Amino acid sequence: MAKPERFLFICNNERPQGHPRGSCTLKGGREVAARFYEVMEERGLTGTVGLVPTGCLGPCFEGPVAALFPDDVWYCNITPADVEEIVDKHFIGGEPVKRLLLRDEDWG
């Protein structure tokens, strides 16, 4: 397996239901990660972008959250239905999906 060019960190942190900071897992983080694995496999990108399920990435209130490095692009409120668009437009086409970007001011 070749060294990946980029890494996508996908929050899979889980907090109890009703926690004030929220929980990416309870908002569908595992399903989003699973869909990324599927789409990456379909597009033949599994060796190009490493997928890394992680603990908390910080902006829990905007979850599920994912961060692509070294691009330093952060996505928020991702659903499994968004994954193909992110892979096709950003990973393959080089253009981040603007409607899903976590902006600097969203950090609070």
PDB file of N, CA and C in Angstrom:
ATOM      1  N   MET A   1       0.841  -1.181   0.000  1.00  0.00           N
ATOM      2  CA  MET A   1       0.000   0.000   0.000  1.00  0.00           C
ATOM      3  C   MET A   1       0.884   1.241   0.000  1.00  0.00           C
ATOM      4  N   ALA A   2       0.540   2.193  -0.841  1.00  0.00           N
ATOM      5  CA  ALA A   2       1.300   3.438  -0.948  1.00  0.00           C
ATOM      6  C   ALA A   2       0.972   4.366   0.221  1.00  0.00           C
ATOM      7  N   LYS A   3       1.892   5.270   0.497  1.00  0.00           N
ATOM      8  CA  LYS A   3       1.668   6.286   1.525  1.00  0.00           C
ATOM      9  C   LYS A   3       0.565   7.224   1.047  1.00  0.00           C
ATOM     10  N   PRO A   4      -0.482   7.447   1.861  1.00  0.00           N
ATOM     11  CA  PRO A   4      -1.553   8.358   1.453  1.00  0.00           C
ATOM     12  C   PRO A   4      -1.039   9.790   1.282  1.00  0.00           C
ATOM     13  N   GLU A   5      -1.632  10.493   0.325  1.00  0.00           N
ATOM     14  CA  GLU A   5      -1.289  11.895   0.081  1.00  0.00           C
ATOM     15  C   GLU A   5      -2.001  12.809   1.074  1.00  0.00           C
ATOM     16  N   ARG A   6      -3.188  12.386   1.515  1.00  0.00           N
ATOM     17  CA  ARG A   6      -4.002  13.177   2.435  1.00  0.00           C
ATOM     18  C   ARG A   6      -4.654  12.241   3.450  1.00  0.00           C
ATOM     19  N   PHE A   7      -5.115  12.844   4.544  1.00  0.00           N
ATOM     20  CA  PHE A   7      -5.830  12.094   5.574  1.00  0.00           C
ATOM     21  C   PHE A   7      -7.123  12.813   5.914  1.00  0.00           C
ATOM     22  N   LEU A   8      -8.218  12.052   5.980  1.00  0.00           N
ATOM     23  CA  LEU A   8      -9.496  12.580   6.409  1.00  0.00           C
ATOM     24  C   LEU A   8      -9.777  12.049   7.803  1.00  0.00           C
ATOM     25  N   PHE A   9      -9.811  12.972   8.762  1.00  0.00           N
ATOM     26  CA  PHE A   9     -10.130  12.625  10.138  1.00  0.00           C
ATOM     27  C   PHE A   9     -11.627  12.835  10.332  1.00  0.00           C
ATOM     28  N   ILE A  10     -12.332  11.789  10.744  1.00  0.00           N
ATOM     29  CA  ILE A  10     -13.785  11.841  10.906  1.00  0.00           C
ATOM     30  C   ILE A  10     -14.120  11.605  12.370  1.00  0.00           C
ATOM     31  N   CYS A  11     -14.780  12.581  12.993  1.00  0.00           N
ATOM     32  CA  CYS A  11     -15.111  12.454  14.405  1.00  0.00           C
ATOM     33  C   CYS A  11     -16.116  11.330  14.630  1.00  0.00           C
ATOM     34  N   ASN A  12     -15.773  10.449  15.550  1.00  0.00           N
ATOM     35  CA  ASN A  12     -16.663   9.384  15.983  1.00  0.00           C
ATOM     36  C   ASN A  12     -16.767   9.381  17.501  1.00  0.00           C
ATOM     37  N   ASN A  13     -16.589  10.565  18.087  1.00  0.00           N
ATOM     38  CA  ASN A  13     -16.706  10.704  19.531  1.00  0.00           C
ATOM     39  C   ASN A  13     -18.158  10.482  19.944  1.00  0.00           C
ATOM     40  N   GLU A  14     -18.328   9.820  21.084  1.00  0.00           N
ATOM     41  CA  GLU A  14     -19.676   9.551  21.571  1.00  0.00           C
ATOM     42  C   GLU A  14     -19.825  10.042  23.006  1.00  0.00           C
ATOM     43  N   ARG A  15     -20.812  10.889  23.184  1.00  0.00           N
ATOM     44  CA  ARG A  15     -21.163  11.379  24.522  1.00  0.00           C
ATOM     45  C   ARG A  15     -22.583  10.904  24.829  1.00  0.00           C
ATOM     46  N   PRO A  16     -22.977  10.964  26.088  1.00  0.00           N
ATOM     47  CA  PRO A  16     -24.337  10.546  26.427  1.00  0.00           C
ATOM     48  C   PRO A  16     -25.391  11.428  25.751  1.00  0.00           C
ATOM     49  N   GLN A  17     -26.524  10.832  25.462  1.00  0.00           N
ATOM     50  CA  GLN A  17     -27.669  11.567  24.905  1.00  0.00           C
ATOM     51  C   GLN A  17     -27.949  12.783  25.786  1.00  0.00           C
ATOM     52  N   GLY A  18     -28.157  13.942  25.180  1.00  0.00           N
ATOM     53  CA  GLY A  18     -28.476  15.159  25.913  1.00  0.00           C
ATOM     54  C   GLY A  18     -27.278  15.940  26.418  1.00  0.00           C
ATOM     55  N   HIS A  19     -26.069  15.460  26.177  1.00  0.00           N
ATOM     56  CA  HIS A  19     -24.867  16.187  26.608  1.00  0.00           C
ATOM     57  C   HIS A  19     -24.863  17.563  25.934  1.00  0.00           C
ATOM     58  N   PRO A  20     -24.509  18.633  26.654  1.00  0.00           N
ATOM     59  CA  PRO A  20     -24.574  19.985  26.079  1.00  0.00           C
ATOM     60  C   PRO A  20     -23.677  20.210  24.860  1.00  0.00           C
ATOM     61  N   ARG A  21     -22.590  19.473  24.733  1.00  0.00           N
ATOM     62  CA  ARG A  21     -21.700  19.662  23.575  1.00  0.00           C
ATOM     63  C   ARG A  21     -22.114  18.827  22.376  1.00  0.00           C
ATOM     64  N   GLY A  22     -23.037  17.919  22.568  1.00  0.00           N
ATOM     65  CA  GLY A  22     -23.460  17.063  21.470  1.00  0.00           C
ATOM     66  C   GLY A  22     -22.504  15.908  21.255  1.00  0.00           C
ATOM     67  N   SER A  23     -22.748  15.143  20.211  1.00  0.00           N
ATOM     68  CA  SER A  23     -21.964  13.956  19.929  1.00  0.00           C
ATOM     69  C   SER A  23     -22.022  13.655  18.439  1.00  0.00           C
ATOM     70  N   CYS A  24     -20.881  13.637  17.799  1.00  0.00           N
ATOM     71  CA  CYS A  24     -20.862  13.352  16.364  1.00  0.00           C
ATOM     72  C   CYS A  24     -21.403  11.952  16.077  1.00  0.00           C
ATOM     73  N   THR A  25     -21.122  11.002  16.952  1.00  0.00           N
ATOM     74  CA  THR A  25     -21.633   9.650  16.737  1.00  0.00           C
ATOM     75  C   THR A  25     -23.152   9.623  16.780  1.00  0.00           C
ATOM     76  N   LEU A  26     -23.737  10.293  17.751  1.00  0.00           N
ATOM     77  CA  LEU A  26     -25.194  10.314  17.847  1.00  0.00           C
ATOM     78  C   LEU A  26     -25.839  11.090  16.698  1.00  0.00           C
ATOM     79  N   LYS A  27     -25.042  11.923  16.021  1.00  0.00           N
ATOM     80  CA  LYS A  27     -25.546  12.677  14.866  1.00  0.00           C
ATOM     81  C   LYS A  27     -25.236  11.969  13.546  1.00  0.00           C
ATOM     82  N   GLY A  28     -24.732  10.744  13.616  1.00  0.00           N
ATOM     83  CA  GLY A  28     -24.496   9.956  12.406  1.00  0.00           C
ATOM     84  C   GLY A  28     -23.057   9.825  11.971  1.00  0.00           C
ATOM     85  N   GLY A  29     -22.104  10.125  12.844  1.00  0.00           N
ATOM     86  CA  GLY A  29     -20.689  10.069  12.500  1.00  0.00           C
ATOM     87  C   GLY A  29     -20.217   8.716  11.994  1.00  0.00           C
ATOM     88  N   ARG A  30     -20.692   7.646  12.595  1.00  0.00           N
ATOM     89  CA  ARG A  30     -20.268   6.305  12.145  1.00  0.00           C
ATOM     90  C   ARG A  30     -20.803   5.992  10.752  1.00  0.00           C
ATOM     91  N   GLU A  31     -22.029   6.409  10.490  1.00  0.00           N
ATOM     92  CA  GLU A  31     -22.609   6.183   9.167  1.00  0.00           C
ATOM     93  C   GLU A  31     -21.879   6.993   8.099  1.00  0.00           C
ATOM     94  N   VAL A  32     -21.477   8.216   8.455  1.00  0.00           N
ATOM     95  CA  VAL A  32     -20.706   9.055   7.533  1.00  0.00           C
ATOM     96  C   VAL A  32     -19.362   8.386   7.238  1.00  0.00           C
ATOM     97  N   ALA A  33     -18.673   7.916   8.261  1.00  0.00           N
ATOM     98  CA  ALA A  33     -17.386   7.243   8.068  1.00  0.00           C
ATOM     99  C   ALA A  33     -17.552   6.003   7.188  1.00  0.00           C
ATOM    100  N   ALA A  34     -18.583   5.215   7.444  1.00  0.00           N
ATOM    101  CA  ALA A  34     -18.828   4.010   6.648  1.00  0.00           C
ATOM    102  C   ALA A  34     -19.074   4.365   5.185  1.00  0.00           C
ATOM    103  N   ARG A  35     -19.804   5.433   4.948  1.00  0.00           N
ATOM    104  CA  ARG A  35     -20.080   5.853   3.570  1.00  0.00           C
ATOM    105  C   ARG A  35     -18.811   6.343   2.883  1.00  0.00           C
ATOM    106  N   PHE A  36     -17.944   7.061   3.622  1.00  0.00           N
ATOM    107  CA  PHE A  36     -16.660   7.462   3.041  1.00  0.00           C
ATOM    108  C   PHE A  36     -15.871   6.230   2.619  1.00  0.00           C
ATOM    109  N   TYR A  37     -15.815   5.209   3.463  1.00  0.00           N
ATOM    110  CA  TYR A  37     -15.097   3.981   3.112  1.00  0.00           C
ATOM    111  C   TYR A  37     -15.657   3.385   1.824  1.00  0.00           C
ATOM    112  N   GLU A  38     -16.980   3.319   1.710  1.00  0.00           N
ATOM    113  CA  GLU A  38     -17.614   2.748   0.520  1.00  0.00           C
ATOM    114  C   GLU A  38     -17.277   3.542  -0.742  1.00  0.00           C
ATOM    115  N   VAL A  39     -17.458   4.846  -0.673  1.00  0.00           N
ATOM    116  CA  VAL A  39     -17.239   5.691  -1.854  1.00  0.00           C
ATOM    117  C   VAL A  39     -15.772   5.708  -2.242  1.00  0.00           C
ATOM    118  N   MET A  40     -14.896   5.774  -1.253  1.00  0.00           N
ATOM    119  CA  MET A  40     -13.467   5.758  -1.547  1.00  0.00           C
ATOM    120  C   MET A  40     -13.085   4.460  -2.258  1.00  0.00           C
ATOM    121  N   GLU A  41     -13.628   3.357  -1.810  1.00  0.00           N
ATOM    122  CA  GLU A  41     -13.378   2.060  -2.443  1.00  0.00           C
ATOM    123  C   GLU A  41     -13.904   2.070  -3.879  1.00  0.00           C
ATOM    124  N   GLU A  42     -15.128   2.561  -4.078  1.00  0.00           N
ATOM    125  CA  GLU A  42     -15.732   2.619  -5.415  1.00  0.00           C
ATOM    126  C   GLU A  42     -14.894   3.462  -6.372  1.00  0.00           C
ATOM    127  N   ARG A  43     -14.301   4.542  -5.871  1.00  0.00           N
ATOM    128  CA  ARG A  43     -13.539   5.469  -6.721  1.00  0.00           C
ATOM    129  C   ARG A  43     -12.061   5.083  -6.831  1.00  0.00           C
ATOM    130  N   GLY A  44     -11.660   4.030  -6.136  1.00  0.00           N
ATOM    131  CA  GLY A  44     -10.272   3.588  -6.190  1.00  0.00           C
ATOM    132  C   GLY A  44      -9.310   4.520  -5.477  1.00  0.00           C
ATOM    133  N   LEU A  45      -9.790   5.179  -4.417  1.00  0.00           N
ATOM    134  CA  LEU A  45      -8.971   6.172  -3.706  1.00  0.00           C
ATOM    135  C   LEU A  45      -8.472   5.715  -2.346  1.00  0.00           C
ATOM    136  N   THR A  46      -8.654   4.453  -2.008  1.00  0.00           N
ATOM    137  CA  THR A  46      -8.314   4.019  -0.652  1.00  0.00           C
ATOM    138  C   THR A  46      -6.834   4.196  -0.311  1.00  0.00           C
ATOM    139  N   GLY A  47      -5.954   4.165  -1.271  1.00  0.00           N
ATOM    140  CA  GLY A  47      -4.538   4.375  -0.984  1.00  0.00           C
ATOM    141  C   GLY A  47      -4.106   5.830  -1.079  1.00  0.00           C
ATOM    142  N   THR A  48      -4.961   6.674  -1.628  1.00  0.00           N
ATOM    143  CA  THR A  48      -4.640   8.081  -1.826  1.00  0.00           C
ATOM    144  C   THR A  48      -5.020   8.927  -0.622  1.00  0.00           C
ATOM    145  N   VAL A  49      -6.187   8.660  -0.056  1.00  0.00           N
ATOM    146  CA  VAL A  49      -6.671   9.387   1.120  1.00  0.00           C
ATOM    147  C   VAL A  49      -6.879   8.379   2.241  1.00  0.00           C
ATOM    148  N   GLY A  50      -6.162   8.584   3.342  1.00  0.00           N
ATOM    149  CA  GLY A  50      -6.346   7.727   4.507  1.00  0.00           C
ATOM    150  C   GLY A  50      -7.533   8.200   5.327  1.00  0.00           C
ATOM    151  N   LEU A  51      -8.420   7.286   5.692  1.00  0.00           N
ATOM    152  CA  LEU A  51      -9.577   7.621   6.513  1.00  0.00           C
ATOM    153  C   LEU A  51      -9.293   7.237   7.948  1.00  0.00           C
ATOM    154  N   VAL A  52      -9.435   8.199   8.851  1.00  0.00           N
ATOM    155  CA  VAL A  52      -9.074   7.998  10.248  1.00  0.00           C
ATOM    156  C   VAL A  52     -10.239   8.387  11.160  1.00  0.00           C
ATOM    157  N   PRO A  53     -10.995   7.406  11.683  1.00  0.00           N
ATOM    158  CA  PRO A  53     -12.003   7.747  12.688  1.00  0.00           C
ATOM    159  C   PRO A  53     -11.283   8.246  13.946  1.00  0.00           C
ATOM    160  N   THR A  54     -11.771   9.341  14.515  1.00  0.00           N
ATOM    161  CA  THR A  54     -11.089   9.944  15.663  1.00  0.00           C
ATOM    162  C   THR A  54     -12.048  10.177  16.815  1.00  0.00           C
ATOM    163  N   GLY A  55     -11.461  10.619  17.903  1.00  0.00           N
ATOM    164  CA  GLY A  55     -12.236  11.166  19.005  1.00  0.00           C
ATOM    165  C   GLY A  55     -12.607  12.598  18.654  1.00  0.00           C
ATOM    166  N   CYS A  56     -12.943  13.360  19.646  1.00  0.00           N
ATOM    167  CA  CYS A  56     -13.454  14.717  19.450  1.00  0.00           C
ATOM    168  C   CYS A  56     -12.458  15.606  18.701  1.00  0.00           C
ATOM    169  N   LEU A  57     -12.977  16.309  17.687  1.00  0.00           N
ATOM    170  CA  LEU A  57     -12.176  17.269  16.935  1.00  0.00           C
ATOM    171  C   LEU A  57     -12.431  18.703  17.390  1.00  0.00           C
ATOM    172  N   GLY A  58     -13.407  18.901  18.276  1.00  0.00           N
ATOM    173  CA  GLY A  58     -13.638  20.230  18.842  1.00  0.00           C
ATOM    174  C   GLY A  58     -15.013  20.821  18.641  1.00  0.00           C
ATOM    175  N   PRO A  59     -15.416  21.106  17.402  1.00  0.00           N
ATOM    176  CA  PRO A  59     -16.697  21.786  17.197  1.00  0.00           C
ATOM    177  C   PRO A  59     -17.889  20.817  17.175  1.00  0.00           C
ATOM    178  N   CYS A  60     -18.156  20.212  18.319  1.00  0.00           N
ATOM    179  CA  CYS A  60     -19.180  19.166  18.434  1.00  0.00           C
ATOM    180  C   CYS A  60     -20.568  19.633  18.015  1.00  0.00           C
ATOM    181  N   PHE A  61     -20.853  20.901  18.244  1.00  0.00           N
ATOM    182  CA  PHE A  61     -22.166  21.464  17.944  1.00  0.00           C
ATOM    183  C   PHE A  61     -22.443  21.477  16.444  1.00  0.00           C
ATOM    184  N   GLU A  62     -21.430  21.254  15.608  1.00  0.00           N
ATOM    185  CA  GLU A  62     -21.557  21.267  14.153  1.00  0.00           C
ATOM    186  C   GLU A  62     -21.404  19.877  13.548  1.00  0.00           C
ATOM    187  N   GLY A  63     -21.488  18.837  14.367  1.00  0.00           N
ATOM    188  CA  GLY A  63     -21.190  17.486  13.914  1.00  0.00           C
ATOM    189  C   GLY A  63     -22.257  16.854  13.055  1.00  0.00           C
ATOM    190  N   PRO A  64     -21.877  15.790  12.402  1.00  0.00           N
ATOM    191  CA  PRO A  64     -20.550  15.199  12.311  1.00  0.00           C
ATOM    192  C   PRO A  64     -19.554  16.125  11.608  1.00  0.00           C
ATOM    193  N   VAL A  65     -18.330  16.082  12.124  1.00  0.00           N
ATOM    194  CA  VAL A  65     -17.242  16.935  11.639  1.00  0.00           C
ATOM    195  C   VAL A  65     -16.153  16.045  11.054  1.00  0.00           C
ATOM    196  N   ALA A  66     -15.532  16.523   9.962  1.00  0.00           N
ATOM    197  CA  ALA A  66     -14.392  15.841   9.365  1.00  0.00           C
ATOM    198  C   ALA A  66     -13.384  16.901   8.934  1.00  0.00           C
ATOM    199  N   ALA A  67     -12.099  16.556   9.016  1.00  0.00           N
ATOM    200  CA  ALA A  67     -11.033  17.477   8.630  1.00  0.00           C
ATOM    201  C   ALA A  67     -10.080  16.773   7.675  1.00  0.00           C
ATOM    202  N   LEU A  68      -9.812  17.411   6.541  1.00  0.00           N
ATOM    203  CA  LEU A  68      -8.914  16.853   5.535  1.00  0.00           C
ATOM    204  C   LEU A  68      -7.577  17.576   5.604  1.00  0.00           C
ATOM    205  N   PHE A  69      -6.514  16.805   5.821  1.00  0.00           N
ATOM    206  CA  PHE A  69      -5.164  17.358   5.897  1.00  0.00           C
ATOM    207  C   PHE A  69      -4.274  16.678   4.877  1.00  0.00           C
ATOM    208  N   PRO A  70      -3.335  17.393   4.265  1.00  0.00           N
ATOM    209  CA  PRO A  70      -2.848  18.710   4.642  1.00  0.00           C
ATOM    210  C   PRO A  70      -3.660  19.873   4.079  1.00  0.00           C
ATOM    211  N   ASP A  71      -4.798  19.621   3.459  1.00  0.00           N
ATOM    212  CA  ASP A  71      -5.606  20.689   2.874  1.00  0.00           C
ATOM    213  C   ASP A  71      -6.098  21.701   3.913  1.00  0.00           C
ATOM    214  N   ASP A  72      -6.201  21.281   5.166  1.00  0.00           N
ATOM    215  CA  ASP A  72      -6.752  22.109   6.246  1.00  0.00           C
ATOM    216  C   ASP A  72      -8.158  22.592   5.900  1.00  0.00           C
ATOM    217  N   VAL A  73      -8.975  21.648   5.435  1.00  0.00           N
ATOM    218  CA  VAL A  73     -10.376  21.911   5.122  1.00  0.00           C
ATOM    219  C   VAL A  73     -11.217  21.124   6.115  1.00  0.00           C
ATOM    220  N   TRP A  74     -12.148  21.820   6.747  1.00  0.00           N
ATOM    221  CA  TRP A  74     -13.022  21.228   7.758  1.00  0.00           C
ATOM    222  C   TRP A  74     -14.454  21.208   7.243  1.00  0.00           C
ATOM    223  N   TYR A  75     -15.076  20.050   7.338  1.00  0.00           N
ATOM    224  CA  TYR A  75     -16.473  19.894   6.944  1.00  0.00           C
ATOM    225  C   TYR A  75     -17.328  19.683   8.187  1.00  0.00           C
ATOM    226  N   CYS A  76     -18.574  20.163   8.125  1.00  0.00           N
ATOM    227  CA  CYS A  76     -19.481  20.018   9.265  1.00  0.00           C
ATOM    228  C   CYS A  76     -20.879  19.606   8.812  1.00  0.00           C
ATOM    229  N   ASN A  77     -21.636  19.087   9.752  1.00  0.00           N
ATOM    230  CA  ASN A  77     -23.023  18.663   9.504  1.00  0.00           C
ATOM    231  C   ASN A  77     -23.119  17.724   8.308  1.00  0.00           C
ATOM    232  N   ILE A  78     -22.144  16.838   8.178  1.00  0.00           N
ATOM    233  CA  ILE A  78     -22.107  15.909   7.050  1.00  0.00           C
ATOM    234  C   ILE A  78     -23.128  14.796   7.260  1.00  0.00           C
ATOM    235  N   THR A  79     -23.786  14.418   6.181  1.00  0.00           N
ATOM    236  CA  THR A  79     -24.664  13.253   6.186  1.00  0.00           C
ATOM    237  C   THR A  79     -24.088  12.240   5.201  1.00  0.00           C
ATOM    238  N   PRO A  80     -24.491  10.994   5.288  1.00  0.00           N
ATOM    239  CA  PRO A  80     -24.024  10.021   4.295  1.00  0.00           C
ATOM    240  C   PRO A  80     -24.335  10.453   2.856  1.00  0.00           C
ATOM    241  N   ALA A  81     -25.420  11.191   2.654  1.00  0.00           N
ATOM    242  CA  ALA A  81     -25.780  11.664   1.317  1.00  0.00           C
ATOM    243  C   ALA A  81     -24.801  12.708   0.767  1.00  0.00           C
ATOM    244  N   ASP A  82     -24.016  13.341   1.629  1.00  0.00           N
ATOM    245  CA  ASP A  82     -23.045  14.358   1.215  1.00  0.00           C
ATOM    246  C   ASP A  82     -21.704  13.767   0.769  1.00  0.00           C
ATOM    247  N   VAL A  83     -21.462  12.538   1.112  1.00  0.00           N
ATOM    248  CA  VAL A  83     -20.128  11.963   0.949  1.00  0.00           C
ATOM    249  C   VAL A  83     -19.684  11.894  -0.509  1.00  0.00           C
ATOM    250  N   GLU A  84     -20.537  11.431  -1.408  1.00  0.00           N
ATOM    251  CA  GLU A  84     -20.144  11.341  -2.817  1.00  0.00           C
ATOM    252  C   GLU A  84     -19.752  12.707  -3.368  1.00  0.00           C
ATOM    253  N   GLU A  85     -20.488  13.737  -2.990  1.00  0.00           N
ATOM    254  CA  GLU A  85     -20.175  15.088  -3.457  1.00  0.00           C
ATOM    255  C   GLU A  85     -18.803  15.536  -2.947  1.00  0.00           C
ATOM    256  N   ILE A  86     -18.502  15.267  -1.682  1.00  0.00           N
ATOM    257  CA  ILE A  86     -17.200  15.638  -1.120  1.00  0.00           C
ATOM    258  C   ILE A  86     -16.080  14.894  -1.834  1.00  0.00           C
ATOM    259  N   VAL A  87     -16.251  13.598  -2.022  1.00  0.00           N
ATOM    260  CA  VAL A  87     -15.218  12.800  -2.682  1.00  0.00           C
ATOM    261  C   VAL A  87     -15.024  13.262  -4.121  1.00  0.00           C
ATOM    262  N   ASP A  88     -16.121  13.409  -4.857  1.00  0.00           N
ATOM    263  CA  ASP A  88     -16.005  13.761  -6.276  1.00  0.00           C
ATOM    264  C   ASP A  88     -15.497  15.183  -6.491  1.00  0.00           C
ATOM    265  N   LYS A  89     -16.070  16.134  -5.766  1.00  0.00           N
ATOM    266  CA  LYS A  89     -15.686  17.532  -5.983  1.00  0.00           C
ATOM    267  C   LYS A  89     -14.354  17.889  -5.340  1.00  0.00           C
ATOM    268  N   HIS A  90     -14.099  17.406  -4.121  1.00  0.00           N
ATOM    269  CA  HIS A  90     -12.888  17.824  -3.421  1.00  0.00           C
ATOM    270  C   HIS A  90     -11.737  16.845  -3.620  1.00  0.00           C
ATOM    271  N   PHE A  91     -11.942  15.589  -3.243  1.00  0.00           N
ATOM    272  CA  PHE A  91     -10.835  14.639  -3.316  1.00  0.00           C
ATOM    273  C   PHE A  91     -10.357  14.436  -4.756  1.00  0.00           C
ATOM    274  N   ILE A  92     -11.298  14.363  -5.696  1.00  0.00           N
ATOM    275  CA  ILE A  92     -10.941  14.132  -7.091  1.00  0.00           C
ATOM    276  C   ILE A  92     -10.796  15.460  -7.846  1.00  0.00           C
ATOM    277  N   GLY A  93     -11.753  16.373  -7.680  1.00  0.00           N
ATOM    278  CA  GLY A  93     -11.763  17.617  -8.441  1.00  0.00           C
ATOM    279  C   GLY A  93     -10.969  18.764  -7.853  1.00  0.00           C
ATOM    280  N   GLY A  94     -10.605  18.663  -6.578  1.00  0.00           N
ATOM    281  CA  GLY A  94      -9.788  19.706  -5.967  1.00  0.00           C
ATOM    282  C   GLY A  94     -10.534  20.912  -5.428  1.00  0.00           C
ATOM    283  N   GLU A  95     -11.867  20.905  -5.484  1.00  0.00           N
ATOM    284  CA  GLU A  95     -12.663  22.032  -5.003  1.00  0.00           C
ATOM    285  C   GLU A  95     -13.477  21.627  -3.773  1.00  0.00           C
ATOM    286  N   PRO A  96     -13.231  22.252  -2.621  1.00  0.00           N
ATOM    287  CA  PRO A  96     -14.029  21.936  -1.433  1.00  0.00           C
ATOM    288  C   PRO A  96     -15.513  22.225  -1.672  1.00  0.00           C
ATOM    289  N   VAL A  97     -16.361  21.492  -0.973  1.00  0.00           N
ATOM    290  CA  VAL A  97     -17.809  21.666  -1.059  1.00  0.00           C
ATOM    291  C   VAL A  97     -18.179  22.786  -0.089  1.00  0.00           C
ATOM    292  N   LYS A  98     -18.374  23.970  -0.625  1.00  0.00           N
ATOM    293  CA  LYS A  98     -18.526  25.182   0.184  1.00  0.00           C
ATOM    294  C   LYS A  98     -19.688  25.123   1.164  1.00  0.00           C
ATOM    295  N   ARG A  99     -20.807  24.542   0.780  1.00  0.00           N
ATOM    296  CA  ARG A  99     -21.985  24.538   1.654  1.00  0.00           C
ATOM    297  C   ARG A  99     -21.782  23.711   2.934  1.00  0.00           C
ATOM    298  N   LEU A 100     -20.732  22.876   2.947  1.00  0.00           N
ATOM    299  CA  LEU A 100     -20.478  22.024   4.114  1.00  0.00           C
ATOM    300  C   LEU A 100     -19.247  22.453   4.906  1.00  0.00           C
ATOM    301  N   LEU A 101     -18.634  23.559   4.535  1.00  0.00           N
ATOM    302  CA  LEU A 101     -17.403  23.987   5.208  1.00  0.00           C
ATOM    303  C   LEU A 101     -17.679  24.511   6.607  1.00  0.00           C
ATOM    304  N   LEU A 102     -16.824  24.153   7.519  1.00  0.00           N
ATOM    305  CA  LEU A 102     -16.827  24.720   8.863  1.00  0.00           C
ATOM    306  C   LEU A 102     -15.953  25.968   8.786  1.00  0.00           C
ATOM    307  N   ARG A 103     -16.564  27.110   8.996  1.00  0.00           N
ATOM    308  CA  ARG A 103     -15.849  28.377   8.886  1.00  0.00           C
ATOM    309  C   ARG A 103     -15.142  28.709  10.208  1.00  0.00           C
ATOM    310  N   ASP A 104     -14.145  29.540  10.148  1.00  0.00           N
ATOM    311  CA  ASP A 104     -13.402  29.920  11.345  1.00  0.00           C
ATOM    312  C   ASP A 104     -14.334  30.492  12.413  1.00  0.00           C
ATOM    313  N   GLU A 105     -15.317  31.303  12.005  1.00  0.00           N
ATOM    314  CA  GLU A 105     -16.223  31.910  12.981  1.00  0.00           C
ATOM    315  C   GLU A 105     -17.181  30.896  13.618  1.00  0.00           C
ATOM    316  N   ASP A 106     -17.307  29.710  13.024  1.00  0.00           N
ATOM    317  CA  ASP A 106     -18.167  28.666  13.599  1.00  0.00           C
ATOM    318  C   ASP A 106     -17.539  28.020  14.833  1.00  0.00           C
ATOM    319  N   TRP A 107     -16.279  28.279  15.066  1.00  0.00           N
ATOM    320  CA  TRP A 107     -15.598  27.674  16.217  1.00  0.00           C
ATOM    321  C   TRP A 107     -16.048  28.283  17.523  1.00  0.00           C
ATOM    322  N   GLY A 108     -16.719  29.414  17.478  1.00  0.00           N
ATOM    323  CA  GLY A 108     -17.260  30.002  18.701  1.00  0.00           C
ATOM    324  C   GLY A 108     -16.386  30.937  19.433  1.00  0.00           C
TER     325      GLY A 108
END
